[in-house]
Amino acid sequence: MRADYKTVKLSGESEIEIKKSRFLTYVKRVETEEEALDFIQDIKKMHHTATHNCSAYMIGEHDQIQKANDDGEPSGTAGFPMLEVLKKQGLKDTAVVVTRYFGGIKLGGGGLIRAYGRATTEGIAATGVVERKLHALMKVSIDYTLLGKVENEARQSPYPLKEILYEEDVSLLLYVPIGETETFSSWMTELTNGQAEISEVSTSFLEFDLR
């Protein structure tokens, strides 16, 4: 399983006008090709009177699924430049649809490539980009006499504190980057003079805004 990767926030949209043509961009995070195709069909239904609904998506840990569709624009002038933006920004599990309402002025091949590339770039910027990092949820069980010290240190540490469980003993649940669990356990063992019971509960991704 990948430990970290970049993708877009859940969804977003933007609009630009170039020589009287309207370009509406829709961006969505998707985890399967089926989700991507459903998203594209939803936009096509929403804008069934549009001149074109061009699309591109890239899915998978190793970008195994990459598709681009010009939807009637000259070959290579819409879907491909859209896909190139996803590649250059290093975005995974991302689908984009650019809907064009023709304004009466032809843009030419180069103009179309620039227009769809710009529309995609602005759509992604409007949506926002995050880095997803795999973390282990670590449980640290201690005696109540240690709570003040451990909680204070935990809140000042780089490890996000999820919650504190007040049971027979008290337990702190903290998120630790997947590659730092041994370092974390050693630190916590030293902090408690070996009086902590430390275990890994689960793993999950945390998201951090990049822009």
Foldseek 3Di string as FASTA:
>chain_A
DDFKFKAFPAKFWDWDADPQKIKIKIKGFAADVVVQVVVQVVVCVVPVVFPAKWKWAFHDPVSPDTDTGPRPDPPPLARVLLSVLCVVVRHYRMMMIITIHDRPDDLPRVRSNVVNNVRNVVGRVRRFMKMKGKWWWKKKWAAPVCVVVVVVVCVVDPWDWDDWDDDPTIITITTGGPVCPVVVVVVVCVSRVNRIDMDTDGMDIDIDTDD
